[in-house]
PDB file of N, CA and C in Angstrom:
ATOM      1  N   MET A   1     108.796  96.262  65.219  1.00  0.00           N
ATOM      2  CA  MET A   1     108.262  96.084  66.381  1.00  0.00           C
ATOM      3  C   MET A   1     108.968  96.630  67.334  1.00  0.00           C
ATOM      4  N   ALA A   2     108.642  97.505  68.572  1.00  0.00           N
ATOM      5  CA  ALA A   2     109.399  97.949  69.513  1.00  0.00           C
ATOM      6  C   ALA A   2     109.579  96.359  70.915  1.00  0.00           C
ATOM      7  N   ARG A   3     111.274  96.861  71.076  1.00  0.00           N
ATOM      8  CA  ARG A   3     111.182  96.474  72.347  1.00  0.00           C
ATOM      9  C   ARG A   3     111.142  96.072  73.888  1.00  0.00           C
ATOM     10  N   ASN A   4     110.482  95.677  74.847  1.00  0.00           N
ATOM     11  CA  ASN A   4     110.293  96.144  76.020  1.00  0.00           C
ATOM     12  C   ASN A   4     111.921  95.385  76.527  1.00  0.00           C
ATOM     13  N   ASN A   5     112.218  97.125  76.912  1.00  0.00           N
ATOM     14  CA  ASN A   5     113.830  96.799  77.894  1.00  0.00           C
ATOM     15  C   ASN A   5     113.560  97.057  79.398  1.00  0.00           C
ATOM     16  N   LYS A   6     112.412  96.813  79.731  1.00  0.00           N
ATOM     17  CA  LYS A   6     112.188  97.135  81.382  1.00  0.00           C
ATOM     18  C   LYS A   6     112.229  95.708  82.065  1.00  0.00           C
ATOM     19  N   ARG A   7     112.866  96.145  82.820  1.00  0.00           N
ATOM     20  CA  ARG A   7     113.503  94.934  83.958  1.00  0.00           C
ATOM     21  C   ARG A   7     112.606  94.760  85.188  1.00  0.00           C
ATOM     22  N   LYS A   8     112.329  93.210  85.039  1.00  0.00           N
ATOM     23  CA  LYS A   8     111.301  92.718  86.230  1.00  0.00           C
ATOM     24  C   LYS A   8     112.411  91.954  87.410  1.00  0.00           C
ATOM     25  N   ALA A   9     111.961  91.607  88.037  1.00  0.00           N
ATOM     26  CA  ALA A   9     112.960  90.599  89.191  1.00  0.00           C
ATOM     27  C   ALA A   9     111.502  90.298  89.928  1.00  0.00           C
ATOM     28  N   ASP A  10     111.745  88.584  90.432  1.00  0.00           N
ATOM     29  CA  ASP A  10     111.020  87.796  91.582  1.00  0.00           C
ATOM     30  C   ASP A  10     111.829  88.528  92.556  1.00  0.00           C
ATOM     31  N   VAL A  11     110.627  88.724  93.929  1.00  0.00           N
ATOM     32  CA  VAL A  11     111.508  88.853  95.475  1.00  0.00           C
ATOM     33  C   VAL A  11     111.301  87.791  96.224  1.00  0.00           C
ATOM     34  N   PHE A  12     112.015  87.285  96.743  1.00  0.00           N
ATOM     35  CA  PHE A  12     112.269  86.257  97.893  1.00  0.00           C
ATOM     36  C   PHE A  12     112.582  87.064  98.936  1.00  0.00           C
ATOM     37  N   TYR A  13     112.021  86.040  99.959  1.00  0.00           N
ATOM     38  CA  TYR A  13     112.463  86.505 101.468  1.00  0.00           C
ATOM     39  C   TYR A  13     111.961  84.936 102.202  1.00  0.00           C
ATOM     40  N   HIS A  14     113.585  85.119 102.725  1.00  0.00           N
ATOM     41  CA  HIS A  14     113.582  83.641 103.211  1.00  0.00           C
ATOM     42  C   HIS A  14     113.156  82.392 102.625  1.00  0.00           C
ATOM     43  N   ASP A  15     113.574  82.984 101.038  1.00  0.00           N
ATOM     44  CA  ASP A  15     113.484  81.413 100.389  1.00  0.00           C
ATOM     45  C   ASP A  15     112.441  81.710  99.741  1.00  0.00           C
ATOM     46  N   ARG A  16     110.515  82.172 100.081  1.00  0.00           N
ATOM     47  CA  ARG A  16     109.865  82.453  99.949  1.00  0.00           C
ATOM     48  C   ARG A  16     109.325  83.700  98.644  1.00  0.00           C
ATOM     49  N   PHE A  17     108.733  83.153  97.890  1.00  0.00           N
ATOM     50  CA  PHE A  17     108.276  84.176  96.998  1.00  0.00           C
ATOM     51  C   PHE A  17     107.454  85.090  97.433  1.00  0.00           C
ATOM     52  N   ALA A  18     108.219  86.270  97.335  1.00  0.00           N
ATOM     53  CA  ALA A  18     107.024  87.385  98.165  1.00  0.00           C
ATOM     54  C   ALA A  18     106.548  88.764  97.541  1.00  0.00           C
ATOM     55  N   GLY A  19     106.618  88.730  96.064  1.00  0.00           N
ATOM     56  CA  GLY A  19     106.503  89.478  95.321  1.00  0.00           C
ATOM     57  C   GLY A  19     107.494  89.620  93.795  1.00  0.00           C
ATOM     58  N   VAL A  20     107.073  91.014  92.715  1.00  0.00           N
ATOM     59  CA  VAL A  20     107.465  91.430  91.376  1.00  0.00           C
ATOM     60  C   VAL A  20     108.036  92.621  91.877  1.00  0.00           C
ATOM     61  N   LEU A  21     109.472  93.005  91.435  1.00  0.00           N
ATOM     62  CA  LEU A  21     109.594  94.331  91.553  1.00  0.00           C
ATOM     63  C   LEU A  21     109.725  94.803  89.833  1.00  0.00           C
ATOM     64  N   GLU A  22     109.372  95.712  89.301  1.00  0.00           N
ATOM     65  CA  GLU A  22     109.607  95.824  88.124  1.00  0.00           C
ATOM     66  C   GLU A  22     109.471  97.330  87.757  1.00  0.00           C
ATOM     67  N   GLU A  23     110.562  97.536  86.691  1.00  0.00           N
ATOM     68  CA  GLU A  23     110.400  98.519  86.112  1.00  0.00           C
ATOM     69  C   GLU A  23     109.654  99.255  85.456  1.00  0.00           C
ATOM     70  N   THR A  24     109.191 100.701  85.245  1.00  0.00           N
ATOM     71  CA  THR A  24     108.053 101.339  84.367  1.00  0.00           C
ATOM     72  C   THR A  24     108.789 102.204  84.170  1.00  0.00           C
ATOM     73  N   ASP A  25     107.729 103.293  83.011  1.00  0.00           N
ATOM     74  CA  ASP A  25     107.933 104.224  82.570  1.00  0.00           C
ATOM     75  C   ASP A  25     108.796 105.413  83.325  1.00  0.00           C
ATOM     76  N   ALA A  26     107.682 105.257  84.459  1.00  0.00           N
ATOM     77  CA  ALA A  26     107.653 106.131  85.779  1.00  0.00           C
ATOM     78  C   ALA A  26     108.628 106.324  86.822  1.00  0.00           C
ATOM     79  N   GLY A  27     109.403 105.242  87.217  1.00  0.00           N
ATOM     80  CA  GLY A  27     110.212 104.232  88.075  1.00  0.00           C
ATOM     81  C   GLY A  27     110.114 102.827  88.091  1.00  0.00           C
ATOM     82  N   TYR A  28     109.934 102.666  89.639  1.00  0.00           N
ATOM     83  CA  TYR A  28     109.708 101.658  89.989  1.00  0.00           C
ATOM     84  C   TYR A  28     108.423 101.069  90.677  1.00  0.00           C
ATOM     85  N   ARG A  29     107.662  99.912  90.526  1.00  0.00           N
ATOM     86  CA  ARG A  29     106.765  99.164  90.773  1.00  0.00           C
ATOM     87  C   ARG A  29     106.807  97.741  91.640  1.00  0.00           C
ATOM     88  N   PHE A  30     106.221  98.117  92.901  1.00  0.00           N
ATOM     89  CA  PHE A  30     106.891  96.607  93.843  1.00  0.00           C
ATOM     90  C   PHE A  30     105.306  95.920  94.358  1.00  0.00           C
ATOM     91  N   ALA A  31     105.163  94.935  94.146  1.00  0.00           N
ATOM     92  CA  ALA A  31     103.989  94.474  94.084  1.00  0.00           C
ATOM     93  C   ALA A  31     104.281  93.110  95.130  1.00  0.00           C
ATOM     94  N   TYR A  32     103.262  92.961  96.332  1.00  0.00           N
ATOM     95  CA  TYR A  32     103.252  91.945  96.884  1.00  0.00           C
ATOM     96  C   TYR A  32     102.324  90.734  96.096  1.00  0.00           C
ATOM     97  N   ASP A  33     103.078  89.856  95.961  1.00  0.00           N
ATOM     98  CA  ASP A  33     102.326  88.354  95.514  1.00  0.00           C
ATOM     99  C   ASP A  33     101.022  88.100  96.795  1.00  0.00           C
ATOM    100  N   ALA A  34      99.694  87.268  95.977  1.00  0.00           N
ATOM    101  CA  ALA A  34      98.768  87.567  97.011  1.00  0.00           C
ATOM    102  C   ALA A  34      98.796  86.506  98.199  1.00  0.00           C
ATOM    103  N   ALA A  35      99.070  84.650  97.541  1.00  0.00           N
ATOM    104  CA  ALA A  35     100.031  83.979  98.653  1.00  0.00           C
ATOM    105  C   ALA A  35     100.516  84.906 100.038  1.00  0.00           C
ATOM    106  N   TYR A  36     101.490  85.146  99.687  1.00  0.00           N
ATOM    107  CA  TYR A  36     102.590  86.116 100.493  1.00  0.00           C
ATOM    108  C   TYR A  36     101.777  86.834 101.473  1.00  0.00           C
ATOM    109  N   LEU A  37     100.912  87.483 101.039  1.00  0.00           N
ATOM    110  CA  LEU A  37     100.377  88.633 102.060  1.00  0.00           C
ATOM    111  C   LEU A  37      99.384  87.568 102.802  1.00  0.00           C
ATOM    112  N   LYS A  38      98.763  86.639 102.698  1.00  0.00           N
ATOM    113  CA  LYS A  38      97.985  86.208 104.061  1.00  0.00           C
ATOM    114  C   LYS A  38      99.060  85.382 104.929  1.00  0.00           C
ATOM    115  N   SER A  39     100.150  85.539 104.537  1.00  0.00           N
ATOM    116  CA  SER A  39     100.824  84.644 105.860  1.00  0.00           C
ATOM    117  C   SER A  39     102.174  84.704 106.099  1.00  0.00           C
ATOM    118  N   GLY A  40     102.824  86.343 105.091  1.00  0.00           N
ATOM    119  CA  GLY A  40     104.382  86.780 104.967  1.00  0.00           C
ATOM    120  C   GLY A  40     104.581  87.776 106.080  1.00  0.00           C
ATOM    121  N   LYS A  41     105.575  88.393 106.562  1.00  0.00           N
ATOM    122  CA  LYS A  41     105.909  88.845 106.984  1.00  0.00           C
ATOM    123  C   LYS A  41     106.142  90.325 106.356  1.00  0.00           C
ATOM    124  N   ALA A  42     106.221  91.829 106.656  1.00  0.00           N
ATOM    125  CA  ALA A  42     106.436  92.633 105.406  1.00  0.00           C
ATOM    126  C   ALA A  42     108.222  92.774 105.165  1.00  0.00           C
ATOM    127  N   LEU A  43     108.630  92.808 104.125  1.00  0.00           N
ATOM    128  CA  LEU A  43     110.065  92.990 103.992  1.00  0.00           C
ATOM    129  C   LEU A  43     110.633  93.963 104.334  1.00  0.00           C
ATOM    130  N   SER A  44     110.382  95.508 104.739  1.00  0.00           N
ATOM    131  CA  SER A  44     110.522  96.008 105.198  1.00  0.00           C
ATOM    132  C   SER A  44     109.722  97.064 106.210  1.00  0.00           C
ATOM    133  N   LEU A  45     109.938  98.618 107.139  1.00  0.00           N
ATOM    134  CA  LEU A  45     109.260  98.822 107.666  1.00  0.00           C
ATOM    135  C   LEU A  45     108.553  99.697 106.685  1.00  0.00           C
ATOM    136  N   SER A  46     109.095 100.648 105.614  1.00  0.00           N
ATOM    137  CA  SER A  46     108.934 100.870 104.521  1.00  0.00           C
ATOM    138  C   SER A  46     108.029  99.920 103.497  1.00  0.00           C
ATOM    139  N   LEU A  47     108.309  99.001 102.925  1.00  0.00           N
ATOM    140  CA  LEU A  47     107.178  97.772 102.753  1.00  0.00           C
ATOM    141  C   LEU A  47     105.667  97.240 103.505  1.00  0.00           C
ATOM    142  N   PRO A  48     104.920  97.854 104.012  1.00  0.00           N
ATOM    143  CA  PRO A  48     103.877  97.613 105.232  1.00  0.00           C
ATOM    144  C   PRO A  48     102.915  96.273 103.934  1.00  0.00           C
ATOM    145  N   LEU A  49     102.980  95.409 104.309  1.00  0.00           N
ATOM    146  CA  LEU A  49     102.006  94.051 103.764  1.00  0.00           C
ATOM    147  C   LEU A  49     100.665  94.930 103.234  1.00  0.00           C
ATOM    148  N   ARG A  50     100.890  94.954 101.978  1.00  0.00           N
ATOM    149  CA  ARG A  50      99.546  95.685 101.626  1.00  0.00           C
ATOM    150  C   ARG A  50      99.317  95.126  99.934  1.00  0.00           C
ATOM    151  N   GLU A  51      98.052  95.482  99.234  1.00  0.00           N
ATOM    152  CA  GLU A  51      97.290  94.777  98.581  1.00  0.00           C
ATOM    153  C   GLU A  51      97.789  95.505  97.250  1.00  0.00           C
ATOM    154  N   GLU A  52      97.997  96.537  97.215  1.00  0.00           N
ATOM    155  CA  GLU A  52      98.762  97.830  96.519  1.00  0.00           C
ATOM    156  C   GLU A  52      99.745  97.874  96.108  1.00  0.00           C
ATOM    157  N   PRO A  53     100.040  98.215  94.819  1.00  0.00           N
ATOM    158  CA  PRO A  53     101.530  98.166  94.784  1.00  0.00           C
ATOM    159  C   PRO A  53     102.439  99.243  95.372  1.00  0.00           C
ATOM    160  N   PHE A  54     103.479  99.341  95.186  1.00  0.00           N
ATOM    161  CA  PHE A  54     104.302 100.661  95.825  1.00  0.00           C
ATOM    162  C   PHE A  54     104.480 101.192  94.551  1.00  0.00           C
ATOM    163  N   GLU A  55     104.903 102.147  94.256  1.00  0.00           N
ATOM    164  CA  GLU A  55     105.374 102.794  93.444  1.00  0.00           C
ATOM    165  C   GLU A  55     106.415 103.763  93.526  1.00  0.00           C
ATOM    166  N   SER A  56     107.487 104.384  92.674  1.00  0.00           N
ATOM    167  CA  SER A  56     108.220 104.926  92.775  1.00  0.00           C
ATOM    168  C   SER A  56     108.687 106.352  91.678  1.00  0.00           C
ATOM    169  N   ALA A  57     109.043 107.208  91.448  1.00  0.00           N
ATOM    170  CA  ALA A  57     109.668 108.122  90.667  1.00  0.00           C
ATOM    171  C   ALA A  57     110.694 108.480  90.603  1.00  0.00           C
ATOM    172  N   LYS A  58     111.012 108.619  88.638  1.00  0.00           N
ATOM    173  CA  LYS A  58     112.236 108.906  88.386  1.00  0.00           C
ATOM    174  C   LYS A  58     112.112 110.615  88.600  1.00  0.00           C
ATOM    175  N   LYS A  59     113.337 111.190  89.099  1.00  0.00           N
ATOM    176  CA  LYS A  59     113.404 112.888  89.240  1.00  0.00           C
ATOM    177  C   LYS A  59     114.166 113.064  88.320  1.00  0.00           C
ATOM    178  N   GLU A  60     114.455 114.635  87.722  1.00  0.00           N
ATOM    179  CA  GLU A  60     115.446 115.045  87.091  1.00  0.00           C
ATOM    180  C   GLU A  60     116.256 115.423  88.189  1.00  0.00           C
ATOM    181  N   LYS A  61     117.859 115.336  87.460  1.00  0.00           N
ATOM    182  CA  LYS A  61     118.780 115.912  88.389  1.00  0.00           C
ATOM    183  C   LYS A  61     120.405 116.484  87.826  1.00  0.00           C
ATOM    184  N   SER A  62     120.454 117.494  87.793  1.00  0.00           N
ATOM    185  CA  SER A  62     121.956 117.896  87.518  1.00  0.00           C
ATOM    186  C   SER A  62     122.971 116.909  87.520  1.00  0.00           C
ATOM    187  N   ILE A  63     123.630 116.182  86.377  1.00  0.00           N
ATOM    188  CA  ILE A  63     125.236 115.370  87.335  1.00  0.00           C
ATOM    189  C   ILE A  63     126.275 116.298  86.197  1.00  0.00           C
ATOM    190  N   VAL A  64     126.926 116.701  87.107  1.00  0.00           N
ATOM    191  CA  VAL A  64     128.719 116.983  86.745  1.00  0.00           C
ATOM    192  C   VAL A  64     129.481 115.866  86.524  1.00  0.00           C
ATOM    193  N   ASP A  65     129.978 115.791  85.526  1.00  0.00           N
ATOM    194  CA  ASP A  65     130.802 114.631  85.269  1.00  0.00           C
ATOM    195  C   ASP A  65     132.066 114.984  85.740  1.00  0.00           C
ATOM    196  N   SER A  66     133.435 114.546  85.247  1.00  0.00           N
ATOM    197  CA  SER A  66     134.523 114.442  85.774  1.00  0.00           C
ATOM    198  C   SER A  66     135.547 115.476  85.679  1.00  0.00           C
ATOM    199  N   LYS A  67     134.852 116.174  84.150  1.00  0.00           N
ATOM    200  CA  LYS A  67     135.653 117.148  83.330  1.00  0.00           C
ATOM    201  C   LYS A  67     134.749 118.630  84.169  1.00  0.00           C
ATOM    202  N   GLY A  68     133.870 118.420  84.634  1.00  0.00           N
ATOM    203  CA  GLY A  68     132.709 120.078  85.327  1.00  0.00           C
ATOM    204  C   GLY A  68     131.877 120.048  84.361  1.00  0.00           C
ATOM    205  N   SER A  69     131.310 119.087  83.452  1.00  0.00           N
ATOM    206  CA  SER A  69     130.374 119.611  82.465  1.00  0.00           C
ATOM    207  C   SER A  69     128.847 119.405  83.105  1.00  0.00           C
ATOM    208  N   SER A  70     127.993 119.919  83.279  1.00  0.00           N
ATOM    209  CA  SER A  70     127.098 119.944  83.926  1.00  0.00           C
ATOM    210  C   SER A  70     125.806 119.276  82.645  1.00  0.00           C
ATOM    211  N   ARG A  71     125.517 118.549  83.418  1.00  0.00           N
ATOM    212  CA  ARG A  71     123.924 118.133  82.274  1.00  0.00           C
ATOM    213  C   ARG A  71     122.852 117.236  83.002  1.00  0.00           C
ATOM    214  N   LYS A  72     121.410 117.429  82.134  1.00  0.00           N
ATOM    215  CA  LYS A  72     120.511 116.791  82.756  1.00  0.00           C
ATOM    216  C   LYS A  72     120.662 114.757  82.711  1.00  0.00           C
ATOM    217  N   GLY A  73     119.884 114.773  83.657  1.00  0.00           N
ATOM    218  CA  GLY A  73     119.697 113.231  84.003  1.00  0.00           C
ATOM    219  C   GLY A  73     118.840 112.826  84.628  1.00  0.00           C
ATOM    220  N   LYS A  74     118.718 111.186  84.416  1.00  0.00           N
ATOM    221  CA  LYS A  74     117.448 110.450  85.508  1.00  0.00           C
ATOM    222  C   LYS A  74     118.029 109.564  86.512  1.00  0.00           C
ATOM    223  N   GLU A  75     117.312 110.572  87.771  1.00  0.00           N
ATOM    224  CA  GLU A  75     117.712 109.810  89.131  1.00  0.00           C
ATOM    225  C   GLU A  75     116.643 109.166  89.512  1.00  0.00           C
ATOM    226  N   ARG A  76     117.186 107.856  89.691  1.00  0.00           N
ATOM    227  CA  ARG A  76     115.717 107.087  90.622  1.00  0.00           C
ATOM    228  C   ARG A  76     115.539 107.171  91.926  1.00  0.00           C
ATOM    229  N   GLU A  77     114.544 107.882  92.423  1.00  0.00           N
ATOM    230  CA  GLU A  77     113.919 107.803  93.634  1.00  0.00           C
ATOM    231  C   GLU A  77     113.017 106.820  93.880  1.00  0.00           C
ATOM    232  N   THR A  78     113.477 105.918  94.829  1.00  0.00           N
ATOM    233  CA  THR A  78     112.554 104.826  95.001  1.00  0.00           C
ATOM    234  C   THR A  78     112.517 104.752  96.588  1.00  0.00           C
ATOM    235  N   ALA A  79     111.582 104.326  96.803  1.00  0.00           N
ATOM    236  CA  ALA A  79     110.729 103.958  98.104  1.00  0.00           C
ATOM    237  C   ALA A  79     111.394 102.715  98.953  1.00  0.00           C
ATOM    238  N   PHE A  80     112.129 101.859  98.135  1.00  0.00           N
ATOM    239  CA  PHE A  80     112.288 100.607  98.149  1.00  0.00           C
ATOM    240  C   PHE A  80     113.686 100.767  99.269  1.00  0.00           C
ATOM    241  N   PRO A  81     113.329  99.414 100.377  1.00  0.00           N
ATOM    242  CA  PRO A  81     115.287  98.845 100.767  1.00  0.00           C
ATOM    243  C   PRO A  81     116.218  99.035  99.872  1.00  0.00           C
ATOM    244  N   ARG A  82     117.338  99.112 100.387  1.00  0.00           N
ATOM    245  CA  ARG A  82     118.291  98.932  99.718  1.00  0.00           C
ATOM    246  C   ARG A  82     118.506  96.764  99.522  1.00  0.00           C
ATOM    247  N   LEU A  83     119.140  96.105  98.616  1.00  0.00           N
ATOM    248  CA  LEU A  83     118.611  95.009  98.944  1.00  0.00           C
ATOM    249  C   LEU A  83     120.151  94.347  99.242  1.00  0.00           C
ATOM    250  N   ARG A  84     120.541  93.725  99.697  1.00  0.00           N
ATOM    251  CA  ARG A  84     122.149  92.974 100.401  1.00  0.00           C
ATOM    252  C   ARG A  84     121.944  91.627 100.027  1.00  0.00           C
ATOM    253  N   TYR A  85     122.902  91.347  99.852  1.00  0.00           N
ATOM    254  CA  TYR A  85     123.187  89.937  99.363  1.00  0.00           C
ATOM    255  C   TYR A  85     124.817  89.452  99.818  1.00  0.00           C
ATOM    256  N   ALA A  86     124.322  88.149 100.077  1.00  0.00           N
ATOM    257  CA  ALA A  86     125.631  87.245 100.605  1.00  0.00           C
ATOM    258  C   ALA A  86     126.044  86.566 100.154  1.00  0.00           C
ATOM    259  N   ALA A  87     127.273  86.457  99.952  1.00  0.00           N
ATOM    260  CA  ALA A  87     128.425  85.634  99.203  1.00  0.00           C
ATOM    261  C   ALA A  87     127.470  84.247  99.678  1.00  0.00           C
ATOM    262  N   SER A  88     127.721  83.061  99.091  1.00  0.00           N
ATOM    263  CA  SER A  88     127.963  81.534  99.557  1.00  0.00           C
ATOM    264  C   SER A  88     128.987  80.810  99.275  1.00  0.00           C
TER     265      SER A  88
END
């Protein structure tokens, strides 16, 4: 049986459930929760309130390691804002 190693996170804005961010084979997807769409605020200018999920894509990039060797690797290109965490 194949294991699903994709990551998934519930997203909260001011202690209110706003939606779900999940890793896909193509990159990442964020979808606002239907209840949040009715009275919530957009998480950022790049994530305006809408019913359709936001999608991002992975892109190939050459990676040079500390020894100067080059290899192909996946870089995740996202349309999502950087999340900042405050220590409590």
